C-alpha atoms as a PDB file:
ATOM      1  CA  MET A   1       0.000   0.000   0.000  1.00  0.00           C
ATOM      2  CA  ARG A   2       1.213   3.503  -0.811  1.00  0.00           C
ATOM      3  CA  THR A   3       0.395   6.735   1.026  1.00  0.00           C
ATOM      4  CA  THR A   4       1.172  10.359   0.165  1.00  0.00           C
ATOM      5  CA  HIS A   5       2.152  13.154   2.538  1.00  0.00           C
ATOM      6  CA  THR A   6       2.093  16.830   1.575  1.00  0.00           C
ATOM      7  CA  LEU A   7       3.164  19.888   3.541  1.00  0.00           C
ATOM      8  CA  HIS A   8       1.896  23.342   2.563  1.00  0.00           C
ATOM      9  CA  ILE A   9       3.610  26.423   3.972  1.00  0.00           C
ATOM     10  CA  GLY A  10       1.030  29.113   4.507  1.00  0.00           C
ATOM     11  CA  ASP A  11      -1.924  30.394   6.493  1.00  0.00           C
ATOM     12  CA  ALA A  12      -4.351  27.794   7.858  1.00  0.00           C
ATOM     13  CA  ARG A  13      -7.226  30.103   6.911  1.00  0.00           C
ATOM     14  CA  ASP A  14      -6.464  29.483   3.240  1.00  0.00           C
ATOM     15  CA  LEU A  15      -6.757  25.824   2.238  1.00  0.00           C
ATOM     16  CA  SER A  16      -7.335  26.629  -1.437  1.00  0.00           C
ATOM     17  CA  ALA A  17      -4.586  24.150  -2.396  1.00  0.00           C
ATOM     18  CA  LEU A  18      -6.917  21.378  -1.175  1.00  0.00           C
ATOM     19  CA  LYS A  19      -9.877  20.221  -3.211  1.00  0.00           C
ATOM     20  CA  THR A  20     -13.377  20.262  -1.764  1.00  0.00           C
ATOM     21  CA  ALA A  21     -14.267  17.016   0.058  1.00  0.00           C
ATOM     22  CA  SER A  22     -10.709  15.697  -0.428  1.00  0.00           C
ATOM     23  CA  VAL A  23      -9.938  14.609   3.169  1.00  0.00           C
ATOM     24  CA  HIS A  24     -11.613  12.085   5.445  1.00  0.00           C
ATOM     25  CA  LEU A  25     -10.478  13.289   8.870  1.00  0.00           C
ATOM     26  CA  VAL A  26      -9.112  16.465  10.460  1.00  0.00           C
ATOM     27  CA  VAL A  27      -7.003  16.081  13.610  1.00  0.00           C
ATOM     28  CA  THR A  28      -5.454  19.238  14.989  1.00  0.00           C
ATOM     29  CA  SER A  29      -4.417  21.225  18.030  1.00  0.00           C
ATOM     30  CA  PRO A  30      -4.600  24.931  17.156  1.00  0.00           C
ATOM     31  CA  PRO A  31      -2.954  27.819  18.979  1.00  0.00           C
ATOM     32  CA  TYR A  32      -4.925  28.314  22.197  1.00  0.00           C
ATOM     33  CA  PRO A  33      -6.595  31.739  22.379  1.00  0.00           C
ATOM     34  CA  MET A  34      -5.621  33.760  25.459  1.00  0.00           C
ATOM     35  CA  ILE A  35      -2.571  31.627  26.225  1.00  0.00           C
ATOM     36  CA  GLU A  36       0.208  34.208  26.250  1.00  0.00           C
ATOM     37  CA  MET A  37       2.678  32.197  24.173  1.00  0.00           C
ATOM     38  CA  TRP A  38       0.266  32.411  21.203  1.00  0.00           C
ATOM     39  CA  ASP A  39      -0.410  36.173  21.401  1.00  0.00           C
ATOM     40  CA  GLU A  40       2.078  36.936  18.652  1.00  0.00           C
ATOM     41  CA  SER A  41       0.579  34.382  16.274  1.00  0.00           C
ATOM     42  CA  PHE A  42      -2.919  35.772  16.739  1.00  0.00           C
ATOM     43  CA  GLY A  43      -1.534  39.290  16.426  1.00  0.00           C
ATOM     44  CA  LEU A  44      -0.312  38.396  12.940  1.00  0.00           C
ATOM     45  CA  ALA A  45      -3.826  37.231  12.058  1.00  0.00           C
ATOM     46  CA  GLY A  46      -5.349  40.571  13.061  1.00  0.00           C
ATOM     47  CA  PRO A  47      -3.835  43.804  14.477  1.00  0.00           C
ATOM     48  CA  GLU A  48      -6.873  44.371  16.694  1.00  0.00           C
ATOM     49  CA  VAL A  49      -5.762  41.466  18.912  1.00  0.00           C
ATOM     50  CA  SER A  50      -2.585  43.207  20.073  1.00  0.00           C
ATOM     51  CA  ARG A  51      -4.479  46.443  20.676  1.00  0.00           C
ATOM     52  CA  GLN A  52      -7.204  44.733  22.706  1.00  0.00           C
ATOM     53  CA  LEU A  53      -4.654  42.912  24.850  1.00  0.00           C
ATOM     54  CA  ALA A  54      -2.695  46.128  25.456  1.00  0.00           C
ATOM     55  CA  GLU A  55      -5.921  47.849  26.539  1.00  0.00           C
ATOM     56  CA  GLY A  56      -6.745  45.010  28.953  1.00  0.00           C
ATOM     57  CA  ARG A  57      -9.933  44.039  27.058  1.00  0.00           C
ATOM     58  CA  GLY A  58      -9.623  40.312  27.503  1.00  0.00           C
ATOM     59  CA  MET A  59     -13.025  39.174  26.261  1.00  0.00           C
ATOM     60  CA  ALA A  60     -12.722  41.301  23.127  1.00  0.00           C
ATOM     61  CA  ALA A  61      -9.292  39.788  22.382  1.00  0.00           C
ATOM     62  CA  PHE A  62     -10.712  36.318  23.067  1.00  0.00           C
ATOM     63  CA  GLU A  63     -13.421  36.841  20.463  1.00  0.00           C
ATOM     64  CA  SER A  64     -11.002  38.302  17.897  1.00  0.00           C
ATOM     65  CA  MET A  65      -8.684  35.304  18.268  1.00  0.00           C
ATOM     66  CA  HIS A  66     -11.551  32.909  17.770  1.00  0.00           C
ATOM     67  CA  GLY A  67     -12.673  34.919  14.763  1.00  0.00           C
ATOM     68  CA  ALA A  68      -9.398  33.919  13.089  1.00  0.00           C
ATOM     69  CA  LEU A  69      -9.949  30.271  14.032  1.00  0.00           C
ATOM     70  CA  ASP A  70     -13.517  30.411  12.687  1.00  0.00           C
ATOM     71  CA  GLU A  71     -12.074  30.986   9.209  1.00  0.00           C
ATOM     72  CA  VAL A  72      -9.971  27.837   9.565  1.00  0.00           C
ATOM     73  CA  TRP A  73     -12.950  25.736  10.661  1.00  0.00           C
ATOM     74  CA  ALA A  74     -14.946  26.942   7.657  1.00  0.00           C
ATOM     75  CA  GLU A  75     -12.171  25.798   5.327  1.00  0.00           C
ATOM     76  CA  CYS A  76     -11.925  22.464   7.143  1.00  0.00           C
ATOM     77  CA  LEU A  77     -15.631  21.967   6.586  1.00  0.00           C
ATOM     78  CA  ARG A  78     -15.180  22.577   2.859  1.00  0.00           C
ATOM     79  CA  VAL A  79     -12.340  20.101   2.359  1.00  0.00           C
ATOM     80  CA  LEU A  80     -13.874  17.413   4.603  1.00  0.00           C
ATOM     81  CA  GLY A  81     -15.843  14.687   2.858  1.00  0.00           C
ATOM     82  CA  ALA A  82     -19.414  13.781   3.775  1.00  0.00           C
ATOM     83  CA  GLY A  83     -19.507  11.875   7.052  1.00  0.00           C
ATOM     84  CA  GLY A  84     -15.920  12.854   7.847  1.00  0.00           C
ATOM     85  CA  PHE A  85     -14.780  13.783  11.343  1.00  0.00           C
ATOM     86  CA  LEU A  86     -13.050  16.864  12.732  1.00  0.00           C
ATOM     87  CA  CYS A  87     -11.169  16.389  16.031  1.00  0.00           C
ATOM     88  CA  VAL A  88      -9.806  19.408  17.900  1.00  0.00           C
ATOM     89  CA  ASN A  89      -7.534  19.226  20.937  1.00  0.00           C
ATOM     90  CA  ILE A  90      -7.996  22.463  22.885  1.00  0.00           C
ATOM     91  CA  GLY A  91      -7.531  23.750  26.417  1.00  0.00           C
ATOM     92  CA  ASP A  92      -9.319  26.596  28.146  1.00  0.00           C
ATOM     93  CA  ALA A  93      -7.266  29.558  29.337  1.00  0.00           C
ATOM     94  CA  THR A  94      -7.047  31.547  32.564  1.00  0.00           C
ATOM     95  CA  ARG A  95      -5.507  34.992  32.545  1.00  0.00           C
ATOM     96  CA  THR A  96      -5.433  38.322  34.345  1.00  0.00           C
ATOM     97  CA  LEU A  97      -5.997  41.358  32.132  1.00  0.00           C
ATOM     98  CA  GLY A  98      -6.969  44.834  33.222  1.00  0.00           C
ATOM     99  CA  GLY A  99      -6.682  43.674  36.820  1.00  0.00           C
ATOM    100  CA  GLU A 100      -9.341  41.007  36.341  1.00  0.00           C
ATOM    101  CA  PHE A 101      -8.736  37.249  36.528  1.00  0.00           C
ATOM    102  CA  ALA A 102     -11.014  35.213  34.250  1.00  0.00           C
ATOM    103  CA  LEU A 103     -11.548  31.908  32.521  1.00  0.00           C
ATOM    104  CA  TYR A 104     -11.591  32.018  28.730  1.00  0.00           C
ATOM    105  CA  PRO A 105     -13.620  28.939  27.649  1.00  0.00           C
ATOM    106  CA  ASN A 106     -11.986  28.024  24.363  1.00  0.00           C
ATOM    107  CA  HIS A 107     -13.695  24.666  24.061  1.00  0.00           C
ATOM    108  CA  ALA A 108     -17.174  26.162  24.439  1.00  0.00           C
ATOM    109  CA  ARG A 109     -16.455  28.888  21.875  1.00  0.00           C
ATOM    110  CA  ILE A 110     -15.222  26.314  19.336  1.00  0.00           C
ATOM    111  CA  ILE A 111     -18.284  24.110  19.847  1.00  0.00           C
ATOM    112  CA  ALA A 112     -20.521  27.121  19.191  1.00  0.00           C
ATOM    113  CA  ALA A 113     -18.570  27.992  16.035  1.00  0.00           C
ATOM    114  CA  MET A 114     -18.755  24.434  14.684  1.00  0.00           C
ATOM    115  CA  MET A 115     -22.493  24.281  15.308  1.00  0.00           C
ATOM    116  CA  ARG A 116     -22.985  27.563  13.441  1.00  0.00           C
ATOM    117  CA  LEU A 117     -21.160  25.992  10.502  1.00  0.00           C
ATOM    118  CA  GLY A 118     -23.530  23.030  10.569  1.00  0.00           C
ATOM    119  CA  LEU A 119     -21.149  20.408  11.931  1.00  0.00           C
ATOM    120  CA  THR A 120     -22.648  17.814  14.266  1.00  0.00           C
ATOM    121  CA  PRO A 121     -21.101  17.833  17.769  1.00  0.00           C
ATOM    122  CA  LEU A 122     -20.416  14.379  19.192  1.00  0.00           C
ATOM    123  CA  PRO A 123     -19.436  13.296  22.735  1.00  0.00           C
ATOM    124  CA  ASP A 124     -16.030  14.732  23.552  1.00  0.00           C
ATOM    125  CA  ILE A 125     -13.040  13.328  25.420  1.00  0.00           C
ATOM    126  CA  LEU A 126     -11.651  14.894  28.564  1.00  0.00           C
ATOM    127  CA  TRP A 127      -7.873  14.541  28.434  1.00  0.00           C
ATOM    128  CA  ARG A 128      -6.630  14.730  32.008  1.00  0.00           C
ATOM    129  CA  LYS A 129      -3.005  15.825  32.195  1.00  0.00           C
ATOM    130  CA  PRO A 130      -1.604  15.216  35.691  1.00  0.00           C
ATOM    131  CA  THR A 131       0.770  17.855  36.993  1.00  0.00           C
ATOM    132  CA  ASN A 132       3.547  17.616  39.514  1.00  0.00           C
ATOM    133  CA  ALA A 133       2.703  21.034  40.941  1.00  0.00           C
ATOM    134  CA  PRO A 134       2.137  20.831  44.713  1.00  0.00           C
ATOM    135  CA  ASN A 135      -0.700  23.385  44.677  1.00  0.00           C
ATOM    136  CA  LYS A 136      -4.160  22.516  43.322  1.00  0.00           C
ATOM    137  CA  PHE A 137      -5.365  26.094  43.485  1.00  0.00           C
ATOM    138  CA  MET A 138      -4.546  29.641  42.412  1.00  0.00           C
ATOM    139  CA  GLY A 139      -5.054  32.619  44.633  1.00  0.00           C
ATOM    140  CA  SER A 140      -5.241  33.241  48.354  1.00  0.00           C
ATOM    141  CA  GLY A 141      -4.689  29.777  49.769  1.00  0.00           C
ATOM    142  CA  MET A 142      -7.057  28.859  52.592  1.00  0.00           C
ATOM    143  CA  LEU A 143      -9.125  32.079  52.574  1.00  0.00           C
ATOM    144  CA  PRO A 144     -12.559  31.764  50.945  1.00  0.00           C
ATOM    145  CA  ALA A 145     -13.741  33.782  47.978  1.00  0.00           C
ATOM    146  CA  GLY A 146     -10.243  34.373  46.652  1.00  0.00           C
ATOM    147  CA  ALA A 147      -8.906  31.112  45.201  1.00  0.00           C
ATOM    148  CA  TYR A 148      -9.490  29.215  41.972  1.00  0.00           C
ATOM    149  CA  VAL A 149      -9.022  25.611  40.948  1.00  0.00           C
ATOM    150  CA  THR A 150      -6.028  24.692  38.818  1.00  0.00           C
ATOM    151  CA  TYR A 151      -6.847  23.185  35.419  1.00  0.00           C
ATOM    152  CA  GLU A 152      -5.312  19.798  34.714  1.00  0.00           C
ATOM    153  CA  HIS A 153      -7.357  18.827  31.693  1.00  0.00           C
ATOM    154  CA  GLU A 154      -7.880  19.637  28.057  1.00  0.00           C
ATOM    155  CA  TYR A 155     -10.597  18.656  25.616  1.00  0.00           C
ATOM    156  CA  VAL A 156     -10.687  16.569  22.476  1.00  0.00           C
ATOM    157  CA  LEU A 157     -13.738  17.938  20.676  1.00  0.00           C
ATOM    158  CA  ILE A 158     -15.257  15.702  18.006  1.00  0.00           C
ATOM    159  CA  PHE A 159     -17.539  16.790  15.172  1.00  0.00           C
ATOM    160  CA  ARG A 160     -18.971  15.096  12.099  1.00  0.00           C
ATOM    161  CA  LYS A 161     -19.901  16.580   8.743  1.00  0.00           C
ATOM    162  CA  GLY A 162     -23.491  15.549   8.181  1.00  0.00           C
ATOM    163  CA  GLY A 163     -24.752  12.032   8.802  1.00  0.00           C
ATOM    164  CA  LYS A 164     -22.830   8.793   9.038  1.00  0.00           C
ATOM    165  CA  ARG A 165     -20.267   8.130   6.307  1.00  0.00           C
ATOM    166  CA  VAL A 166     -21.460   5.897   3.470  1.00  0.00           C
ATOM    167  CA  PHE A 167     -18.834   3.330   2.456  1.00  0.00           C
ATOM    168  CA  SER A 168     -18.363   1.971  -1.053  1.00  0.00           C
ATOM    169  CA  GLY A 169     -17.626  -1.710  -1.642  1.00  0.00           C
ATOM    170  CA  THR A 170     -13.871  -1.101  -1.654  1.00  0.00           C
ATOM    171  CA  GLU A 171     -14.153   1.041   1.457  1.00  0.00           C
ATOM    172  CA  GLN A 172     -16.148  -1.655   3.237  1.00  0.00           C
ATOM    173  CA  ALA A 173     -13.197  -4.032   2.834  1.00  0.00           C
ATOM    174  CA  ALA A 174     -10.769  -1.350   4.046  1.00  0.00           C
ATOM    175  CA  ARG A 175     -13.036  -0.652   6.998  1.00  0.00           C
ATOM    176  CA  ALA A 176     -12.988  -4.314   8.038  1.00  0.00           C
ATOM    177  CA  LYS A 177      -9.178  -4.391   7.854  1.00  0.00           C
ATOM    178  CA  SER A 178      -8.987  -1.141   9.840  1.00  0.00           C
ATOM    179  CA  ALA A 179     -10.895  -2.529  12.837  1.00  0.00           C
ATOM    180  CA  TYR A 180      -9.438  -2.145  16.320  1.00  0.00           C
ATOM    181  CA  PHE A 181      -9.312  -4.784  19.011  1.00  0.00           C
ATOM    182  CA  TRP A 182     -12.153  -5.050  21.553  1.00  0.00           C
ATOM    183  CA  GLU A 183      -9.917  -4.015  24.432  1.00  0.00           C
ATOM    184  CA  GLU A 184      -8.600  -1.036  22.429  1.00  0.00           C
ATOM    185  CA  ARG A 185     -12.173   0.053  21.810  1.00  0.00           C
ATOM    186  CA  ASN A 186     -12.898  -0.017  25.527  1.00  0.00           C
ATOM    187  CA  LEU A 187      -9.839   2.132  26.294  1.00  0.00           C
ATOM    188  CA  TRP A 188      -9.968   4.565  23.386  1.00  0.00           C
ATOM    189  CA  PHE A 189     -13.685   5.303  23.551  1.00  0.00           C
ATOM    190  CA  SER A 190     -13.640   6.197  27.224  1.00  0.00           C
ATOM    191  CA  ASP A 191     -14.742   9.785  27.819  1.00  0.00           C
ATOM    192  CA  VAL A 192     -11.738  10.445  30.103  1.00  0.00           C
ATOM    193  CA  TRP A 193      -8.160   9.736  29.007  1.00  0.00           C
ATOM    194  CA  THR A 194      -5.758   9.560  31.937  1.00  0.00           C
ATOM    195  CA  ASP A 195      -3.049   7.417  30.330  1.00  0.00           C
ATOM    196  CA  VAL A 196      -1.957   9.882  27.605  1.00  0.00           C
ATOM    197  CA  ARG A 197       0.936  11.881  28.939  1.00  0.00           C
ATOM    198  CA  GLY A 198       1.721  15.409  27.825  1.00  0.00           C
ATOM    199  CA  ILE A 199       5.250  16.107  26.638  1.00  0.00           C
ATOM    200  CA  ARG A 200       7.606  19.040  26.800  1.00  0.00           C
ATOM    201  CA  GLN A 201       9.146  19.803  23.451  1.00  0.00           C
ATOM    202  CA  LYS A 202      12.022  22.249  23.140  1.00  0.00           C
ATOM    203  CA  LEU A 203      12.600  23.636  19.677  1.00  0.00           C
ATOM    204  CA  GLY A 204      16.049  25.018  20.374  1.00  0.00           C
ATOM    205  CA  ALA A 205      17.480  28.511  20.163  1.00  0.00           C
ATOM    206  CA  ASP A 206      16.972  29.104  16.432  1.00  0.00           C
ATOM    207  CA  GLY A 207      14.064  31.519  16.842  1.00  0.00           C
ATOM    208  CA  LEU A 208      11.364  28.860  16.849  1.00  0.00           C
ATOM    209  CA  ARG A 209       8.758  28.901  19.554  1.00  0.00           C
ATOM    210  CA  ASP A 210       9.216  26.826  22.698  1.00  0.00           C
ATOM    211  CA  ARG A 211       6.164  24.647  23.177  1.00  0.00           C
ATOM    212  CA  SER A 212       5.233  23.412  26.600  1.00  0.00           C
ATOM    213  CA  ALA A 213       3.135  20.214  26.958  1.00  0.00           C
ATOM    214  CA  ALA A 214       3.153  19.695  23.178  1.00  0.00           C
ATOM    215  CA  PHE A 215       0.712  17.478  21.281  1.00  0.00           C
ATOM    216  CA  PRO A 216       1.742  13.864  22.148  1.00  0.00           C
ATOM    217  CA  PHE A 217       1.957  11.242  19.378  1.00  0.00           C
ATOM    218  CA  GLU A 218      -0.483   8.940  21.183  1.00  0.00           C
ATOM    219  CA  LEU A 219      -3.341  11.412  20.894  1.00  0.00           C
ATOM    220  CA  PRO A 220      -3.558  11.702  17.077  1.00  0.00           C
ATOM    221  CA  TRP A 221      -2.552   8.023  16.773  1.00  0.00           C
ATOM    222  CA  ARG A 222      -5.684   6.982  18.648  1.00  0.00           C
ATOM    223  CA  LEU A 223      -8.002   9.435  16.905  1.00  0.00           C
ATOM    224  CA  ILE A 224      -6.764   8.376  13.466  1.00  0.00           C
ATOM    225  CA  HIS A 225      -7.539   4.726  14.221  1.00  0.00           C
ATOM    226  CA  MET A 226     -10.912   5.628  15.762  1.00  0.00           C
ATOM    227  CA  TYR A 227     -12.230   7.805  12.941  1.00  0.00           C
ATOM    228  CA  SER A 228     -10.553   6.832   9.640  1.00  0.00           C
ATOM    229  CA  LEU A 229      -9.699   3.865   7.428  1.00  0.00           C
ATOM    230  CA  GLN A 230      -6.366   2.625   6.159  1.00  0.00           C
ATOM    231  CA  GLY A 231      -5.629   4.634   3.022  1.00  0.00           C
ATOM    232  CA  ASP A 232      -7.762   7.644   4.064  1.00  0.00           C
ATOM    233  CA  THR A 233      -6.352  11.190   4.078  1.00  0.00           C
ATOM    234  CA  VAL A 234      -5.853  13.079   7.353  1.00  0.00           C
ATOM    235  CA  LEU A 235      -5.481  16.873   7.503  1.00  0.00           C
ATOM    236  CA  ASP A 236      -3.816  18.991  10.175  1.00  0.00           C
ATOM    237  CA  PRO A 237      -4.185  22.736   9.406  1.00  0.00           C
ATOM    238  CA  PHE A 238      -1.843  23.587  12.322  1.00  0.00           C
ATOM    239  CA  VAL A 239       0.798  20.955  11.705  1.00  0.00           C
ATOM    240  CA  GLY A 240       3.536  22.423  13.916  1.00  0.00           C
ATOM    241  CA  THR A 241       6.325  19.869  14.230  1.00  0.00           C
ATOM    242  CA  GLY A 242       4.422  17.244  12.240  1.00  0.00           C
ATOM    243  CA  THR A 243       2.996  14.957  14.919  1.00  0.00           C
ATOM    244  CA  THR A 244      -0.357  14.359  13.207  1.00  0.00           C
ATOM    245  CA  MET A 245       1.273  13.767   9.821  1.00  0.00           C
ATOM    246  CA  ALA A 246       3.722  11.310  11.390  1.00  0.00           C
ATOM    247  CA  ALA A 247       0.927   9.480  13.226  1.00  0.00           C
ATOM    248  CA  ALA A 248      -1.108   9.243  10.015  1.00  0.00           C
ATOM    249  CA  PHE A 249       1.856   7.778   8.127  1.00  0.00           C
ATOM    250  CA  ALA A 250       2.574   5.335  10.953  1.00  0.00           C
ATOM    251  CA  ALA A 251      -1.073   4.215  10.850  1.00  0.00           C
ATOM    252  CA  GLY A 252      -1.197   3.672   7.084  1.00  0.00           C
ATOM    253  CA  ARG A 253      -3.048   6.864   6.162  1.00  0.00           C
ATOM    254  CA  SER A 254      -2.117   9.690   3.802  1.00  0.00           C
ATOM    255  CA  SER A 255      -1.717  13.149   5.283  1.00  0.00           C
ATOM    256  CA  VAL A 256      -1.815  16.851   4.463  1.00  0.00           C
ATOM    257  CA  GLY A 257      -0.393  19.514   6.743  1.00  0.00           C
ATOM    258  CA  VAL A 258      -0.394  23.315   6.744  1.00  0.00           C
ATOM    259  CA  GLU A 259       2.229  25.237   8.704  1.00  0.00           C
ATOM    260  CA  ARG A 260       2.898  28.983   8.771  1.00  0.00           C
ATOM    261  CA  SER A 261       6.590  28.707   9.686  1.00  0.00           C
ATOM    262  CA  GLU A 262       8.829  27.449   6.889  1.00  0.00           C
ATOM    263  CA  GLN A 263      11.549  26.941   9.522  1.00  0.00           C
ATOM    264  CA  LEU A 264       9.634  23.926  10.822  1.00  0.00           C
ATOM    265  CA  ALA A 265       9.686  22.067   7.489  1.00  0.00           C
ATOM    266  CA  PRO A 266      12.901  20.085   8.240  1.00  0.00           C
ATOM    267  CA  ARG A 267      11.496  19.017  11.611  1.00  0.00           C
ATOM    268  CA  ILE A 268       8.272  17.844   9.985  1.00  0.00           C
ATOM    269  CA  GLY A 269      10.271  15.795   7.483  1.00  0.00           C
ATOM    270  CA  ALA A 270      12.311  14.305  10.303  1.00  0.00           C
ATOM    271  CA  ALA A 271       9.123  13.381  12.192  1.00  0.00           C
ATOM    272  CA  LEU A 272       7.841  11.533   9.127  1.00  0.00           C
ATOM    273  CA  HIS A 273      11.100   9.600   8.729  1.00  0.00           C
ATOM    274  CA  ASP A 274      11.088   8.715  12.433  1.00  0.00           C
ATOM    275  CA  ALA A 275       7.552   7.348  12.015  1.00  0.00           C
ATOM    276  CA  VAL A 276       8.846   4.429   9.920  1.00  0.00           C
ATOM    277  CA  GLY A 277      10.298   2.754  12.994  1.00  0.00           C
ATOM    278  CA  GLU A 278       7.641   4.098  15.339  1.00  0.00           C
ATOM    279  CA  GLY A 279       4.831   2.763  13.184  1.00  0.00           C
ATOM    280  CA  ARG A 280       6.344  -0.737  13.058  1.00  0.00           C
ATOM    281  CA  ARG A 281       6.952  -0.715  16.795  1.00  0.00           C
ATOM    282  CA  ARG A 282       3.418   0.340  17.584  1.00  0.00           C
ATOM    283  CA  ALA A 283       1.861  -2.215  15.245  1.00  0.00           C
ATOM    284  CA  GLN A 284       3.928  -4.990  16.803  1.00  0.00           C
ATOM    285  CA  CYS A 285       2.965  -3.778  20.282  1.00  0.00           C
ATOM    286  CA  ARG A 286      -0.721  -3.897  19.323  1.00  0.00           C
ATOM    287  CA  LEU A 287      -0.398  -7.554  18.331  1.00  0.00           C
ATOM    288  CA  ALA A 288       1.603  -8.479  21.415  1.00  0.00           C
ATOM    289  CA  ALA A 289      -0.778  -6.607  23.744  1.00  0.00           C
ATOM    290  CA  HIS A 290      -3.795  -8.333  22.215  1.00  0.00           C
ATOM    291  CA  GLU A 291      -2.270 -11.789  22.536  1.00  0.00           C
ATOM    292  CA  ALA A 292      -1.432 -11.088  26.184  1.00  0.00           C
ATOM    293  CA  PHE A 293      -4.958  -9.772  26.798  1.00  0.00           C
ATOM    294  CA  MET A 294      -6.578 -12.843  25.241  1.00  0.00           C
ATOM    295  CA  ALA A 295      -4.284 -15.216  27.150  1.00  0.00           C
ATOM    296  CA  ALA A 296      -5.389 -13.614  30.425  1.00  0.00           C
ATOM    297  CA  ARG A 297      -9.017 -13.653  29.350  1.00  0.00           C
ATOM    298  CA  LEU A 298      -8.904 -17.352  28.447  1.00  0.00           C
ATOM    299  CA  ALA A 299      -7.057 -18.174  31.670  1.00  0.00           C
ATOM    300  CA  ALA A 300      -9.914 -16.514  33.556  1.00  0.00           C
ATOM    301  CA  GLY A 301     -12.317 -18.987  31.958  1.00  0.00           C
ATOM    302  CA  LYS A 302     -13.852 -16.640  29.386  1.00  0.00           C
ATOM    303  CA  ALA A 303     -14.280 -18.453  26.078  1.00  0.00           C
ATOM    304  CA  ALA A 304     -13.378 -16.849  22.731  1.00  0.00           C
ATOM    305  CA  ALA A 305     -16.116 -17.227  20.147  1.00  0.00           C
ATOM    306  CA  HIS A 306     -14.125 -15.909  17.195  1.00  0.00           C
ATOM    307  CA  VAL A 307     -10.724 -16.384  15.556  1.00  0.00           C
ATOM    308  CA  SER A 308      -8.768 -13.862  13.469  1.00  0.00           C
ATOM    309  CA  ALA A 309      -8.781 -14.829   9.782  1.00  0.00           C
ATOM    310  CA  VAL A 310      -5.437 -13.046   9.361  1.00  0.00           C
ATOM    311  CA  TYR A 311      -3.490 -13.977  12.488  1.00  0.00           C
ATOM    312  CA  GLY A 312      -5.173 -17.145  13.719  1.00  0.00           C
ATOM    313  CA  PHE A 313      -5.423 -15.980  17.327  1.00  0.00           C
ATOM    314  CA  PRO A 314      -8.706 -15.623  19.239  1.00  0.00           C
ATOM    315  CA  VAL A 315     -10.634 -12.354  19.195  1.00  0.00           C
ATOM    316  CA  VAL A 316     -13.660 -11.236  21.169  1.00  0.00           C
ATOM    317  CA  THR A 317     -15.988 -10.054  18.381  1.00  0.00           C
ATOM    318  CA  ARG A 318     -16.879 -10.986  14.820  1.00  0.00           C
ATOM    319  CA  GLN A 319     -15.860  -7.490  13.613  1.00  0.00           C
ATOM    320  CA  GLU A 320     -12.228  -8.188  14.600  1.00  0.00           C
ATOM    321  CA  ARG A 321     -11.886 -11.251  12.380  1.00  0.00           C
ATOM    322  CA  ALA A 322     -10.708  -9.340   9.280  1.00  0.00           C
ATOM    323  CA  LEU A 323      -8.522  -6.896  11.236  1.00  0.00           C
ATOM    324  CA  SER A 324      -5.163  -6.612   9.466  1.00  0.00           C
ATOM    325  CA  LEU A 325      -2.459  -4.272  10.721  1.00  0.00           C
ATOM    326  CA  VAL A 326      -0.210  -2.383   8.334  1.00  0.00           C
ATOM    327  CA  ALA A 327       3.181  -0.900   9.127  1.00  0.00           C
ATOM    328  CA  PRO A 328       5.488   1.525   7.297  1.00  0.00           C
ATOM    329  CA  ARG A 329       8.295   0.007   5.225  1.00  0.00           C
ATOM    330  CA  GLY A 330       9.880   3.164   3.913  1.00  0.00           C
ATOM    331  CA  LEU A 331       9.474   6.841   3.057  1.00  0.00           C
ATOM    332  CA  THR A 332      10.723   8.657  -0.034  1.00  0.00           C
ATOM    333  CA  GLU A 333      10.895  12.427  -0.459  1.00  0.00           C
ATOM    334  CA  THR A 334       9.582  13.196  -3.947  1.00  0.00           C
ATOM    335  CA  GLY A 335       9.869  16.972  -3.814  1.00  0.00           C
ATOM    336  CA  PRO A 336       9.817  19.950  -1.443  1.00  0.00           C
ATOM    337  CA  GLY A 337       7.180  19.159   1.153  1.00  0.00           C
ATOM    338  CA  GLN A 338       6.158  15.921  -0.575  1.00  0.00           C
ATOM    339  CA  TRP A 339       6.725  12.324   0.491  1.00  0.00           C
ATOM    340  CA  VAL A 340       5.508   8.867  -0.529  1.00  0.00           C
ATOM    341  CA  GLY A 341       5.213   6.143   2.066  1.00  0.00           C
ATOM    342  CA  GLU A 342       5.263   2.386   1.492  1.00  0.00           C
ATOM    343  CA  HIS A 343       3.321   0.076   3.818  1.00  0.00           C
ATOM    344  CA  GLY A 344       2.962  -3.649   4.183  1.00  0.00           C
ATOM    345  CA  GLY A 345       0.879  -6.071   6.191  1.00  0.00           C
ATOM    346  CA  LEU A 346       2.280  -7.005   9.592  1.00  0.00           C
ATOM    347  CA  LEU A 347       2.564 -10.657  10.558  1.00  0.00           C
ATOM    348  CA  PRO A 348       3.072 -11.840  14.137  1.00  0.00           C
END
């Protein structure tokens, strides 16, 4: 199987290089409005943002920042195929401006914007990110009416374009091969994720931004398996260092990314090349974890009613019988910002 991976350098509000209904899934983590490290980025999108922040008008700046994101969501809707999913990792912000401390509810504002566009909101995932900080509050300690809880969670918001996706005959076969194991389903489709750890990613001293608690590989990896088929195309309009593109390649999907900073292009290419080994490792771990799970299940006296047609080991449900994992075999750069990936079936 062959996949393609394309990086566009430009503004996420302009996806004109992508054809209408050309992608099956959007997975992204945009700049978070009202988080100070992203002020400059939003200031480039509109000069009113910097003025509103300087004047201490926090809610006005909040709305202006989301106005820029609204343009991106509209373009995502255009390029997303019928029944496709849009997954957004976002955190709310707390900030003091003009002497007033406030919560800026980014997730709620994005849900409202998506609903205005006509996207269907689906149950979201609460991603709990444990912190080592000793204090669970902000403010005046033990005195009432002056302290605030500390946020240790973010959201994975999930939307669908229209009704359920209709699969062609070829897609039905790909869908069966793209199934996940029963125990993966139970973990991934929980509404609270506590086992996905945030990461700290330094981008060095070459003028690139320093990202704290960056988008972890596990998060797009799961979402890509949950909401797309092998061979589908995944878009990230805020590709950053390339995590979503790398996860898509590792999972046997094509990818498209948009990034404003051309300086990040080499890092995105490196992430894709690293995904060759990472994809094989993860696929092998999925097989090993399932075999261990089934061994424990059988030892506990729970019978297995089904057997994998591909691997010959027991599975819990009929839908797992045709499951067939793919893993990267190589990646070739075919031009600036363009790569072709080769994938093969994975045997135990």
